[in-house]
Amino acid sequence: MAASNPMNPWHLWKQSFGAWEQATATYMEQVMSNPAVLGPAGAMLTAAMKTKAATDRAIATWWSAVGLPTRRDQERSLHKLNQLESRLLDLEEQLADARAAR
């Protein structure tokens, strides 16, 4: 009823937003496909990723120098715990089967 009224403020806002979004999407698609934008953007992304990798390595080195486990150490430990838990559950199932077979 009120939503189909073209003078409804919500309806007008939705139409305006749709028109803005369509125009913006078209413009951004053209800008982002321009090689003059892609080259520097790719270089910036590469530099940011290299910086992050170097920062992560420095933090891991410092963390292990302090004597605390690094994220990789923690993940390795959690993986081993998962393996042990899985083996323990398998043994419990085998034991239950052996007891039921008696």
Protein backbone atom coordinates (compact mmCIF):
# COMPACT_ATOMS: atom_id res chain seq x y z
CA MET A 1 0.00 0.00 0.00
CA ALA A 2 2.26 2.79 1.27
CA ALA A 3 5.41 1.09 -0.10
CA SER A 4 4.13 1.26 -3.70
CA ASN A 5 3.48 5.01 -3.43
CA PRO A 6 6.19 6.77 -5.52
CA MET A 7 6.17 9.71 -3.08
CA ASN A 8 7.04 7.46 -0.13
CA PRO A 9 10.39 8.69 1.31
CA TRP A 10 11.70 5.13 1.66
CA HIS A 11 10.82 4.35 -1.96
CA LEU A 12 12.51 7.56 -3.15
CA TRP A 13 15.61 6.79 -1.09
CA LYS A 14 15.82 3.25 -2.49
CA GLN A 15 15.51 4.55 -6.06
CA SER A 16 18.16 7.20 -5.45
CA PHE A 17 20.51 4.72 -3.85
CA GLY A 18 20.01 2.25 -6.72
CA ALA A 19 20.85 4.93 -9.29
CA TRP A 20 23.91 6.07 -7.31
CA GLU A 21 25.12 2.49 -6.81
CA GLN A 22 24.77 1.67 -10.52
CA ALA A 23 26.66 4.81 -11.60
CA THR A 24 29.37 4.23 -9.00
CA ALA A 25 29.79 0.56 -9.93
CA THR A 26 30.15 1.44 -13.62
CA TYR A 27 32.71 4.15 -12.86
CA MET A 28 34.72 1.98 -10.43
CA GLU A 29 34.79 -0.89 -12.93
CA GLN A 30 36.34 1.43 -15.52
CA VAL A 31 38.82 2.86 -13.02
CA MET A 32 39.87 -0.53 -11.64
CA SER A 33 40.42 -1.99 -15.12
CA ASN A 34 42.74 0.88 -16.10
CA PRO A 35 46.39 -0.28 -16.28
CA ALA A 36 47.51 3.06 -14.83
CA VAL A 37 45.62 2.13 -11.65
CA LEU A 38 46.28 -1.62 -11.64
CA GLY A 39 50.09 -1.37 -11.82
CA PRO A 40 50.60 0.90 -8.81
CA ALA A 41 47.83 -0.85 -6.86
CA GLY A 42 49.52 -4.20 -7.46
CA ALA A 43 52.89 -2.77 -6.42
CA MET A 44 51.35 -1.35 -3.24
CA LEU A 45 49.71 -4.68 -2.43
CA THR A 46 52.98 -6.53 -3.01
CA ALA A 47 54.84 -4.09 -0.76
CA ALA A 48 52.17 -4.39 1.94
CA MET A 49 52.32 -8.19 1.85
CA LYS A 50 56.13 -8.19 2.04
CA THR A 51 55.98 -5.79 4.97
CA LYS A 52 53.44 -7.97 6.75
CA ALA A 53 55.54 -11.10 6.17
CA ALA A 54 58.66 -9.37 7.52
CA THR A 55 56.73 -8.08 10.53
CA ASP A 56 55.30 -11.54 11.23
CA ARG A 57 58.79 -13.07 11.04
CA ALA A 58 60.22 -10.40 13.37
CA ILE A 59 57.44 -10.91 15.89
CA ALA A 60 57.84 -14.69 15.79
CA THR A 61 61.60 -14.36 16.26
CA TRP A 62 61.17 -11.97 19.18
CA TRP A 63 58.44 -14.13 20.73
CA SER A 64 60.60 -17.27 20.56
CA ALA A 65 63.64 -15.34 21.86
CA VAL A 66 61.61 -14.47 24.94
CA GLY A 67 60.98 -18.19 25.33
CA LEU A 68 57.29 -18.23 24.52
CA PRO A 69 55.69 -20.44 21.87
CA THR A 70 55.02 -18.76 18.54
CA ARG A 71 51.75 -19.08 16.69
CA ARG A 72 53.27 -21.80 14.55
CA ASP A 73 54.41 -23.68 17.66
CA GLN A 74 50.92 -23.39 19.13
CA GLU A 75 49.31 -24.62 15.90
CA ARG A 76 51.72 -27.56 15.77
CA SER A 77 50.89 -28.44 19.39
CA LEU A 78 47.16 -28.20 18.76
CA HIS A 79 47.53 -30.46 15.73
CA LYS A 80 49.37 -33.06 17.82
CA LEU A 81 46.68 -32.82 20.52
CA ASN A 82 44.03 -33.36 17.86
CA GLN A 83 45.85 -36.43 16.61
CA LEU A 84 46.15 -37.82 20.13
CA GLU A 85 42.48 -37.18 20.83
CA SER A 86 41.51 -38.93 17.61
CA ARG A 87 43.66 -41.95 18.46
CA LEU A 88 42.26 -42.04 21.99
CA LEU A 89 38.69 -42.02 20.65
CA ASP A 90 39.58 -44.84 18.24
CA LEU A 91 41.05 -46.89 21.10
CA GLU A 92 37.96 -46.26 23.24
CA GLU A 93 35.75 -47.49 20.40
CA GLN A 94 37.91 -50.59 19.94
CA LEU A 95 37.76 -51.27 23.68
CA ALA A 96 33.99 -50.87 23.70
CA ASP A 97 33.70 -53.25 20.73
CA ALA A 98 35.98 -55.79 22.42
CA ARG A 99 33.93 -55.60 25.64
CA ALA A 100 30.69 -56.01 23.70
CA ALA A 101 32.08 -59.06 21.88
CA ARG A 102 32.69 -60.91 25.19
